[in-house]
Amino acid sequence: MPIYTYECEACGVRFDQRQKFSDSPLRECPECGGHVHRVPQPVGIVFKGSGWYVKDSRGTNNLAAPPKRDSNGTESKSESKSGATASASASND
């Protein structure tokens, strides 16, 4: 359950209240009976460092895929797009 911070508009007292998401916000100050409102708080989790974004978590080398091998058994570099499209167009004819 989240904890919300409230502030009284009449006396200025701040207090925390643990509430369910489905509970309605408090309207009355427990000290003076004045009107209260929720005070926005910063988020409780902060992501720091590399690896939290898509561009950071993916390197140029994809280690999850095994290297491609030629028909003679040697490892080959990634195929160029022009070679891949040429072989695809040749198989379509």
PDB file of N, CA and C in Angstrom:
ATOM      1  N   MET A   1       0.840  -1.178   0.000  1.00  0.00           N
ATOM      2  CA  MET A   1       0.000   0.000   0.000  1.00  0.00           C
ATOM      3  C   MET A   1       0.888   1.245   0.000  1.00  0.00           C
ATOM      4  N   PRO A   2       0.546   2.216  -0.830  1.00  0.00           N
ATOM      5  CA  PRO A   2       1.359   3.429  -0.877  1.00  0.00           C
ATOM      6  C   PRO A   2       1.108   4.338   0.333  1.00  0.00           C
ATOM      7  N   ILE A   3       2.090   5.174   0.598  1.00  0.00           N
ATOM      8  CA  ILE A   3       1.992   6.167   1.657  1.00  0.00           C
ATOM      9  C   ILE A   3       1.896   7.531   0.987  1.00  0.00           C
ATOM     10  N   TYR A   4       0.840   8.276   1.308  1.00  0.00           N
ATOM     11  CA  TYR A   4       0.623   9.597   0.737  1.00  0.00           C
ATOM     12  C   TYR A   4       0.923  10.661   1.787  1.00  0.00           C
ATOM     13  N   THR A   5       1.481  11.785   1.343  1.00  0.00           N
ATOM     14  CA  THR A   5       1.738  12.922   2.213  1.00  0.00           C
ATOM     15  C   THR A   5       0.642  13.951   1.985  1.00  0.00           C
ATOM     16  N   TYR A   6       0.072  14.431   3.073  1.00  0.00           N
ATOM     17  CA  TYR A   6      -0.986  15.441   3.028  1.00  0.00           C
ATOM     18  C   TYR A   6      -0.509  16.695   3.746  1.00  0.00           C
ATOM     19  N   GLU A   7      -1.072  17.836   3.346  1.00  0.00           N
ATOM     20  CA  GLU A   7      -0.779  19.098   4.005  1.00  0.00           C
ATOM     21  C   GLU A   7      -2.088  19.830   4.262  1.00  0.00           C
ATOM     22  N   CYS A   8      -2.222  20.361   5.472  1.00  0.00           N
ATOM     23  CA  CYS A   8      -3.417  21.115   5.852  1.00  0.00           C
ATOM     24  C   CYS A   8      -3.287  22.544   5.327  1.00  0.00           C
ATOM     25  N   GLU A   9      -4.355  23.047   4.711  1.00  0.00           N
ATOM     26  CA  GLU A   9      -4.339  24.417   4.200  1.00  0.00           C
ATOM     27  C   GLU A   9      -4.525  25.433   5.321  1.00  0.00           C
ATOM     28  N   ALA A  10      -5.151  25.032   6.422  1.00  0.00           N
ATOM     29  CA  ALA A  10      -5.424  25.959   7.521  1.00  0.00           C
ATOM     30  C   ALA A  10      -4.217  26.101   8.452  1.00  0.00           C
ATOM     31  N   CYS A  11      -3.715  24.986   8.991  1.00  0.00           N
ATOM     32  CA  CYS A  11      -2.629  25.067   9.985  1.00  0.00           C
ATOM     33  C   CYS A  11      -1.257  24.747   9.409  1.00  0.00           C
ATOM     34  N   GLY A  12      -1.188  24.188   8.202  1.00  0.00           N
ATOM     35  CA  GLY A  12       0.090  23.918   7.543  1.00  0.00           C
ATOM     36  C   GLY A  12       0.795  22.652   7.993  1.00  0.00           C
ATOM     37  N   VAL A  13       0.143  21.831   8.820  1.00  0.00           N
ATOM     38  CA  VAL A  13       0.777  20.600   9.284  1.00  0.00           C
ATOM     39  C   VAL A  13       0.829  19.592   8.139  1.00  0.00           C
ATOM     40  N   ARG A  14       1.946  18.880   8.063  1.00  0.00           N
ATOM     41  CA  ARG A  14       2.098  17.806   7.069  1.00  0.00           C
ATOM     42  C   ARG A  14       2.091  16.476   7.801  1.00  0.00           C
ATOM     43  N   PHE A  15       1.428  15.489   7.185  1.00  0.00           N
ATOM     44  CA  PHE A  15       1.391  14.155   7.776  1.00  0.00           C
ATOM     45  C   PHE A  15       1.296  13.129   6.662  1.00  0.00           C
ATOM     46  N   ASP A  16       1.707  11.900   6.980  1.00  0.00           N
ATOM     47  CA  ASP A  16       1.675  10.787   6.030  1.00  0.00           C
ATOM     48  C   ASP A  16       0.530   9.862   6.394  1.00  0.00           C
ATOM     49  N   GLN A  17      -0.083   9.297   5.347  1.00  0.00           N
ATOM     50  CA  GLN A  17      -1.194   8.368   5.555  1.00  0.00           C
ATOM     51  C   GLN A  17      -1.034   7.195   4.594  1.00  0.00           C
ATOM     52  N   ARG A  18      -1.058   5.993   5.122  1.00  0.00           N
ATOM     53  CA  ARG A  18      -1.007   4.786   4.290  1.00  0.00           C
ATOM     54  C   ARG A  18      -2.430   4.474   3.838  1.00  0.00           C
ATOM     55  N   GLN A  19      -2.610   4.388   2.509  1.00  0.00           N
ATOM     56  CA  GLN A  19      -3.936   4.151   1.944  1.00  0.00           C
ATOM     57  C   GLN A  19      -3.845   3.187   0.783  1.00  0.00           C
ATOM     58  N   LYS A  20      -4.960   2.511   0.510  1.00  0.00           N
ATOM     59  CA  LYS A  20      -5.061   1.678  -0.686  1.00  0.00           C
ATOM     60  C   LYS A  20      -5.248   2.589  -1.895  1.00  0.00           C
ATOM     61  N   PHE A  21      -4.987   2.038  -3.078  1.00  0.00           N
ATOM     62  CA  PHE A  21      -5.221   2.804  -4.294  1.00  0.00           C
ATOM     63  C   PHE A  21      -6.703   3.122  -4.453  1.00  0.00           C
ATOM     64  N   SER A  22      -7.550   2.232  -3.981  1.00  0.00           N
ATOM     65  CA  SER A  22      -8.990   2.412  -4.142  1.00  0.00           C
ATOM     66  C   SER A  22      -9.592   3.362  -3.101  1.00  0.00           C
ATOM     67  N   ASP A  23      -8.847   3.705  -2.040  1.00  0.00           N
ATOM     68  CA  ASP A  23      -9.362   4.624  -1.024  1.00  0.00           C
ATOM     69  C   ASP A  23      -9.444   6.044  -1.580  1.00  0.00           C
ATOM     70  N   SER A  24     -10.470   6.766  -1.138  1.00  0.00           N
ATOM     71  CA  SER A  24     -10.588   8.165  -1.562  1.00  0.00           C
ATOM     72  C   SER A  24      -9.616   9.018  -0.736  1.00  0.00           C
ATOM     73  N   PRO A  25      -9.146  10.140  -1.296  1.00  0.00           N
ATOM     74  CA  PRO A  25      -8.199  10.987  -0.572  1.00  0.00           C
ATOM     75  C   PRO A  25      -8.832  11.576   0.695  1.00  0.00           C
ATOM     76  N   LEU A  26      -7.992  11.840   1.690  1.00  0.00           N
ATOM     77  CA  LEU A  26      -8.480  12.466   2.914  1.00  0.00           C
ATOM     78  C   LEU A  26      -8.903  13.903   2.621  1.00  0.00           C
ATOM     79  N   ARG A  27      -9.859  14.395   3.397  1.00  0.00           N
ATOM     80  CA  ARG A  27     -10.357  15.753   3.191  1.00  0.00           C
ATOM     81  C   ARG A  27     -10.209  16.618   4.436  1.00  0.00           C
ATOM     82  N   GLU A  28     -10.019  15.990   5.598  1.00  0.00           N
ATOM     83  CA  GLU A  28     -10.025  16.731   6.849  1.00  0.00           C
ATOM     84  C   GLU A  28      -8.730  16.503   7.621  1.00  0.00           C
ATOM     85  N   CYS A  29      -8.181  17.587   8.174  1.00  0.00           N
ATOM     86  CA  CYS A  29      -6.955  17.533   8.973  1.00  0.00           C
ATOM     87  C   CYS A  29      -7.259  16.906  10.327  1.00  0.00           C
ATOM     88  N   PRO A  30      -6.415  15.963  10.788  1.00  0.00           N
ATOM     89  CA  PRO A  30      -6.647  15.365  12.102  1.00  0.00           C
ATOM     90  C   PRO A  30      -6.327  16.332  13.258  1.00  0.00           C
ATOM     91  N   GLU A  31      -5.541  17.383  13.001  1.00  0.00           N
ATOM     92  CA  GLU A  31      -5.171  18.345  14.044  1.00  0.00           C
ATOM     93  C   GLU A  31      -6.243  19.416  14.261  1.00  0.00           C
ATOM     94  N   CYS A  32      -6.623  20.101  13.170  1.00  0.00           N
ATOM     95  CA  CYS A  32      -7.530  21.246  13.324  1.00  0.00           C
ATOM     96  C   CYS A  32      -8.866  21.074  12.608  1.00  0.00           C
ATOM     97  N   GLY A  33      -8.998  20.045  11.779  1.00  0.00           N
ATOM     98  CA  GLY A  33     -10.252  19.836  11.050  1.00  0.00           C
ATOM     99  C   GLY A  33     -10.334  20.623   9.753  1.00  0.00           C
ATOM    100  N   GLY A  34      -9.245  21.289   9.353  1.00  0.00           N
ATOM    101  CA  GLY A  34      -9.218  22.061   8.114  1.00  0.00           C
ATOM    102  C   GLY A  34      -9.104  21.166   6.882  1.00  0.00           C
ATOM    103  N   HIS A  35      -9.183  21.791   5.720  1.00  0.00           N
ATOM    104  CA  HIS A  35      -9.109  21.067   4.443  1.00  0.00           C
ATOM    105  C   HIS A  35      -7.662  20.674   4.148  1.00  0.00           C
ATOM    106  N   VAL A  36      -7.440  19.420   3.711  1.00  0.00           N
ATOM    107  CA  VAL A  36      -6.104  18.938   3.358  1.00  0.00           C
ATOM    108  C   VAL A  36      -6.035  18.573   1.884  1.00  0.00           C
ATOM    109  N   HIS A  37      -4.834  18.582   1.349  1.00  0.00           N
ATOM    110  CA  HIS A  37      -4.590  18.140  -0.032  1.00  0.00           C
ATOM    111  C   HIS A  37      -3.319  17.305  -0.063  1.00  0.00           C
ATOM    112  N   ARG A  38      -3.244  16.433  -1.083  1.00  0.00           N
ATOM    113  CA  ARG A  38      -2.052  15.597  -1.242  1.00  0.00           C
ATOM    114  C   ARG A  38      -0.888  16.441  -1.739  1.00  0.00           C
ATOM    115  N   VAL A  39       0.287  16.125  -1.226  1.00  0.00           N
ATOM    116  CA  VAL A  39       1.512  16.798  -1.647  1.00  0.00           C
ATOM    117  C   VAL A  39       2.241  15.859  -2.601  1.00  0.00           C
ATOM    118  N   PRO A  40       2.522  16.300  -3.832  1.00  0.00           N
ATOM    119  CA  PRO A  40       3.254  15.428  -4.759  1.00  0.00           C
ATOM    120  C   PRO A  40       4.652  15.125  -4.230  1.00  0.00           C
ATOM    121  N   GLN A  41       5.051  13.882  -4.350  1.00  0.00           N
ATOM    122  CA  GLN A  41       6.353  13.428  -3.889  1.00  0.00           C
ATOM    123  C   GLN A  41       7.149  12.885  -5.067  1.00  0.00           C
ATOM    124  N   PRO A  42       8.490  12.928  -4.995  1.00  0.00           N
ATOM    125  CA  PRO A  42       9.294  12.323  -6.053  1.00  0.00           C
ATOM    126  C   PRO A  42       9.101  10.807  -6.063  1.00  0.00           C
ATOM    127  N   VAL A  43       9.405  10.207  -7.190  1.00  0.00           N
ATOM    128  CA  VAL A  43       9.241   8.764  -7.314  1.00  0.00           C
ATOM    129  C   VAL A  43      10.167   8.040  -6.353  1.00  0.00           C
ATOM    130  N   GLY A  44       9.772   6.846  -5.972  1.00  0.00           N
ATOM    131  CA  GLY A  44      10.533   6.096  -4.993  1.00  0.00           C
ATOM    132  C   GLY A  44      11.642   5.256  -5.571  1.00  0.00           C
ATOM    133  N   ILE A  45      11.787   5.220  -6.889  1.00  0.00           N
ATOM    134  CA  ILE A  45      12.823   4.401  -7.506  1.00  0.00           C
ATOM    135  C   ILE A  45      13.529   5.234  -8.566  1.00  0.00           C
ATOM    136  N   VAL A  46      14.841   5.154  -8.586  1.00  0.00           N
ATOM    137  CA  VAL A  46      15.641   5.905  -9.535  1.00  0.00           C
ATOM    138  C   VAL A  46      16.605   4.933 -10.201  1.00  0.00           C
ATOM    139  N   PHE A  47      16.594   4.893 -11.519  1.00  0.00           N
ATOM    140  CA  PHE A  47      17.500   4.028 -12.266  1.00  0.00           C
ATOM    141  C   PHE A  47      18.757   4.820 -12.601  1.00  0.00           C
ATOM    142  N   LYS A  48      19.905   4.338 -12.149  1.00  0.00           N
ATOM    143  CA  LYS A  48      21.174   5.002 -12.426  1.00  0.00           C
ATOM    144  C   LYS A  48      22.108   4.021 -13.117  1.00  0.00           C
ATOM    145  N   GLY A  49      23.005   4.557 -13.892  1.00  0.00           N
ATOM    146  CA  GLY A  49      24.004   3.735 -14.549  1.00  0.00           C
ATOM    147  C   GLY A  49      23.558   3.252 -15.909  1.00  0.00           C
ATOM    148  N   SER A  50      24.437   2.555 -16.571  1.00  0.00           N
ATOM    149  CA  SER A  50      24.123   2.073 -17.910  1.00  0.00           C
ATOM    150  C   SER A  50      23.353   0.761 -17.826  1.00  0.00           C
ATOM    151  N   GLY A  51      22.667   0.447 -18.902  1.00  0.00           N
ATOM    152  CA  GLY A  51      21.940  -0.808 -18.967  1.00  0.00           C
ATOM    153  C   GLY A  51      20.455  -0.677 -18.716  1.00  0.00           C
ATOM    154  N   TRP A  52      19.970   0.502 -18.428  1.00  0.00           N
ATOM    155  CA  TRP A  52      18.550   0.667 -18.139  1.00  0.00           C
ATOM    156  C   TRP A  52      17.767   1.129 -19.359  1.00  0.00           C
ATOM    157  N   TYR A  53      18.451   1.465 -20.428  1.00  0.00           N
ATOM    158  CA  TYR A  53      17.777   1.917 -21.626  1.00  0.00           C
ATOM    159  C   TYR A  53      18.080   0.946 -22.755  1.00  0.00           C
ATOM    160  N   VAL A  54      17.242   0.896 -23.760  1.00  0.00           N
ATOM    161  CA  VAL A  54      17.427  -0.032 -24.872  1.00  0.00           C
ATOM    162  C   VAL A  54      18.767   0.214 -25.547  1.00  0.00           C
ATOM    163  N   LYS A  55      19.111   1.460 -25.751  1.00  0.00           N
ATOM    164  CA  LYS A  55      20.377   1.760 -26.428  1.00  0.00           C
ATOM    165  C   LYS A  55      21.583   1.374 -25.576  1.00  0.00           C
ATOM    166  N   ASP A  56      21.423   1.327 -24.245  1.00  0.00           N
ATOM    167  CA  ASP A  56      22.532   0.959 -23.374  1.00  0.00           C
ATOM    168  C   ASP A  56      22.663  -0.542 -23.194  1.00  0.00           C
ATOM    169  N   SER A  57      21.552  -1.254 -23.230  1.00  0.00           N
ATOM    170  CA  SER A  57      21.596  -2.674 -22.913  1.00  0.00           C
ATOM    171  C   SER A  57      21.996  -3.535 -24.101  1.00  0.00           C
ATOM    172  N   ARG A  58      21.924  -3.004 -25.284  1.00  0.00           N
ATOM    173  CA  ARG A  58      22.286  -3.788 -26.470  1.00  0.00           C
ATOM    174  C   ARG A  58      23.616  -3.295 -27.019  1.00  0.00           C
ATOM    175  N   GLY A  59      24.541  -4.197 -27.109  1.00  0.00           N
ATOM    176  CA  GLY A  59      25.832  -3.858 -27.683  1.00  0.00           C
ATOM    177  C   GLY A  59      25.825  -4.112 -29.181  1.00  0.00           C
ATOM    178  N   THR A  60      26.962  -3.869 -29.799  1.00  0.00           N
ATOM    179  CA  THR A  60      27.072  -4.129 -31.229  1.00  0.00           C
ATOM    180  C   THR A  60      27.253  -5.607 -31.497  1.00  0.00           C
ATOM    181  N   ASN A  61      27.722  -6.361 -30.518  1.00  0.00           N
ATOM    182  CA  ASN A  61      27.931  -7.791 -30.682  1.00  0.00           C
ATOM    183  C   ASN A  61      26.798  -8.533 -29.991  1.00  0.00           C
ATOM    184  N   ASN A  62      26.035  -9.290 -30.740  1.00  0.00           N
ATOM    185  CA  ASN A  62      24.933 -10.052 -30.162  1.00  0.00           C
ATOM    186  C   ASN A  62      25.454 -11.441 -29.806  1.00  0.00           C
ATOM    187  N   LEU A  63      25.726 -11.679 -28.538  1.00  0.00           N
ATOM    188  CA  LEU A  63      26.295 -12.951 -28.110  1.00  0.00           C
ATOM    189  C   LEU A  63      25.243 -14.051 -28.009  1.00  0.00           C
ATOM    190  N   ALA A  64      23.969 -13.709 -28.084  1.00  0.00           N
ATOM    191  CA  ALA A  64      22.911 -14.700 -27.960  1.00  0.00           C
ATOM    192  C   ALA A  64      22.803 -15.563 -29.217  1.00  0.00           C
ATOM    193  N   ALA A  65      23.165 -15.029 -30.364  1.00  0.00           N
ATOM    194  CA  ALA A  65      23.073 -15.771 -31.615  1.00  0.00           C
ATOM    195  C   ALA A  65      24.431 -16.379 -31.943  1.00  0.00           C
ATOM    196  N   PRO A  66      24.465 -17.647 -32.340  1.00  0.00           N
ATOM    197  CA  PRO A  66      25.745 -18.258 -32.716  1.00  0.00           C
ATOM    198  C   PRO A  66      26.246 -17.651 -34.022  1.00  0.00           C
ATOM    199  N   PRO A  67      27.552 -17.622 -34.231  1.00  0.00           N
ATOM    200  CA  PRO A  67      28.087 -17.052 -35.469  1.00  0.00           C
ATOM    201  C   PRO A  67      27.690 -17.914 -36.664  1.00  0.00           C
ATOM    202  N   LYS A  68      27.465 -17.240 -37.791  1.00  0.00           N
ATOM    203  CA  LYS A  68      27.098 -17.966 -39.017  1.00  0.00           C
ATOM    204  C   LYS A  68      28.338 -18.611 -39.603  1.00  0.00           C
ATOM    205  N   ARG A  69      28.165 -19.783 -40.186  1.00  0.00           N
ATOM    206  CA  ARG A  69      29.282 -20.502 -40.785  1.00  0.00           C
ATOM    207  C   ARG A  69      29.032 -20.686 -42.281  1.00  0.00           C
ATOM    208  N   ASP A  70      30.119 -20.627 -43.039  1.00  0.00           N
ATOM    209  CA  ASP A  70      30.031 -20.874 -44.481  1.00  0.00           C
ATOM    210  C   ASP A  70      29.884 -22.366 -44.732  1.00  0.00           C
ATOM    211  N   SER A  71      29.663 -22.720 -45.973  1.00  0.00           N
ATOM    212  CA  SER A  71      29.524 -24.125 -46.326  1.00  0.00           C
ATOM    213  C   SER A  71      30.836 -24.894 -46.111  1.00  0.00           C
ATOM    214  N   ASN A  72      31.982 -24.186 -46.124  1.00  0.00           N
ATOM    215  CA  ASN A  72      33.261 -24.862 -45.896  1.00  0.00           C
ATOM    216  C   ASN A  72      33.615 -24.938 -44.415  1.00  0.00           C
ATOM    217  N   GLY A  73      32.747 -24.446 -43.507  1.00  0.00           N
ATOM    218  CA  GLY A  73      32.939 -24.604 -42.079  1.00  0.00           C
ATOM    219  C   GLY A  73      33.619 -23.440 -41.380  1.00  0.00           C
ATOM    220  N   THR A  74      33.977 -22.374 -42.097  1.00  0.00           N
ATOM    221  CA  THR A  74      34.612 -21.230 -41.455  1.00  0.00           C
ATOM    222  C   THR A  74      33.556 -20.194 -41.078  1.00  0.00           C
ATOM    223  N   GLU A  75      33.874 -19.449 -40.011  1.00  0.00           N
ATOM    224  CA  GLU A  75      32.939 -18.410 -39.589  1.00  0.00           C
ATOM    225  C   GLU A  75      32.954 -17.282 -40.594  1.00  0.00           C
ATOM    226  N   SER A  76      31.769 -16.741 -40.876  1.00  0.00           N
ATOM    227  CA  SER A  76      31.690 -15.645 -41.844  1.00  0.00           C
ATOM    228  C   SER A  76      31.217 -14.383 -41.141  1.00  0.00           C
ATOM    229  N   LYS A  77      31.579 -13.272 -41.710  1.00  0.00           N
ATOM    230  CA  LYS A  77      31.095 -11.985 -41.218  1.00  0.00           C
ATOM    231  C   LYS A  77      29.629 -11.866 -41.603  1.00  0.00           C
ATOM    232  N   SER A  78      28.916 -10.942 -40.968  1.00  0.00           N
ATOM    233  CA  SER A  78      27.497 -10.773 -41.305  1.00  0.00           C
ATOM    234  C   SER A  78      27.366 -10.390 -42.767  1.00  0.00           C
ATOM    235  N   GLU A  79      26.367 -10.961 -43.403  1.00  0.00           N
ATOM    236  CA  GLU A  79      26.174 -10.723 -44.820  1.00  0.00           C
ATOM    237  C   GLU A  79      25.764  -9.294 -45.068  1.00  0.00           C
ATOM    238  N   SER A  80      26.221  -8.762 -46.184  1.00  0.00           N
ATOM    239  CA  SER A  80      25.803  -7.412 -46.536  1.00  0.00           C
ATOM    240  C   SER A  80      24.375  -7.468 -47.059  1.00  0.00           C
ATOM    241  N   LYS A  81      23.677  -6.372 -46.921  1.00  0.00           N
ATOM    242  CA  LYS A  81      22.282  -6.343 -47.349  1.00  0.00           C
ATOM    243  C   LYS A  81      22.167  -6.511 -48.856  1.00  0.00           C
ATOM    244  N   SER A  82      23.133  -5.995 -49.610  1.00  0.00           N
ATOM    245  CA  SER A  82      23.066  -6.115 -51.062  1.00  0.00           C
ATOM    246  C   SER A  82      23.206  -7.575 -51.480  1.00  0.00           C
ATOM    247  N   GLY A  83      24.049  -8.346 -50.799  1.00  0.00           N
ATOM    248  CA  GLY A  83      24.203  -9.764 -51.108  1.00  0.00           C
ATOM    249  C   GLY A  83      22.961 -10.540 -50.729  1.00  0.00           C
ATOM    250  N   ALA A  84      22.322 -10.176 -49.630  1.00  0.00           N
ATOM    251  CA  ALA A  84      21.125 -10.865 -49.185  1.00  0.00           C
ATOM    252  C   ALA A  84      19.961 -10.570 -50.116  1.00  0.00           C
ATOM    253  N   THR A  85      19.849  -9.331 -50.586  1.00  0.00           N
ATOM    254  CA  THR A  85      18.749  -8.996 -51.489  1.00  0.00           C
ATOM    255  C   THR A  85      18.975  -9.587 -52.868  1.00  0.00           C
ATOM    256  N   ALA A  86      20.248  -9.701 -53.273  1.00  0.00           N
ATOM    257  CA  ALA A  86      20.531 -10.302 -54.589  1.00  0.00           C
ATOM    258  C   ALA A  86      20.170 -11.774 -54.597  1.00  0.00           C
ATOM    259  N   SER A  87      20.469 -12.489 -53.520  1.00  0.00           N
ATOM    260  CA  SER A  87      20.142 -13.897 -53.464  1.00  0.00           C
ATOM    261  C   SER A  87      18.637 -14.088 -53.335  1.00  0.00           C
ATOM    262  N   ALA A  88      17.955 -13.173 -52.649  1.00  0.00           N
ATOM    263  CA  ALA A  88      16.493 -13.258 -52.517  1.00  0.00           C
ATOM    264  C   ALA A  88      15.822 -12.995 -53.843  1.00  0.00           C
ATOM    265  N   SER A  89      16.346 -12.038 -54.629  1.00  0.00           N
ATOM    266  CA  SER A  89      15.723 -11.731 -55.918  1.00  0.00           C
ATOM    267  C   SER A  89      16.004 -12.857 -56.921  1.00  0.00           C
ATOM    268  N   ALA A  90      17.154 -13.524 -56.781  1.00  0.00           N
ATOM    269  CA  ALA A  90      17.479 -14.607 -57.684  1.00  0.00           C
ATOM    270  C   ALA A  90      16.557 -15.805 -57.418  1.00  0.00           C
ATOM    271  N   SER A  91      16.191 -16.036 -56.153  1.00  0.00           N
ATOM    272  CA  SER A  91      15.323 -17.153 -55.847  1.00  0.00           C
ATOM    273  C   SER A  91      13.879 -16.866 -56.228  1.00  0.00           C
ATOM    274  N   ASN A  92      13.506 -15.600 -56.351  1.00  0.00           N
ATOM    275  CA  ASN A  92      12.149 -15.230 -56.756  1.00  0.00           C
ATOM    276  C   ASN A  92      11.947 -15.378 -58.254  1.00  0.00           C
ATOM    277  N   ASP A  93      13.002 -15.377 -59.063  1.00  0.00           N
ATOM    278  CA  ASP A  93      12.877 -15.455 -60.536  1.00  0.00           C
ATOM    279  C   ASP A  93      12.569 -16.838 -61.008  1.00  0.00           C
TER     280      ASP A  93
END
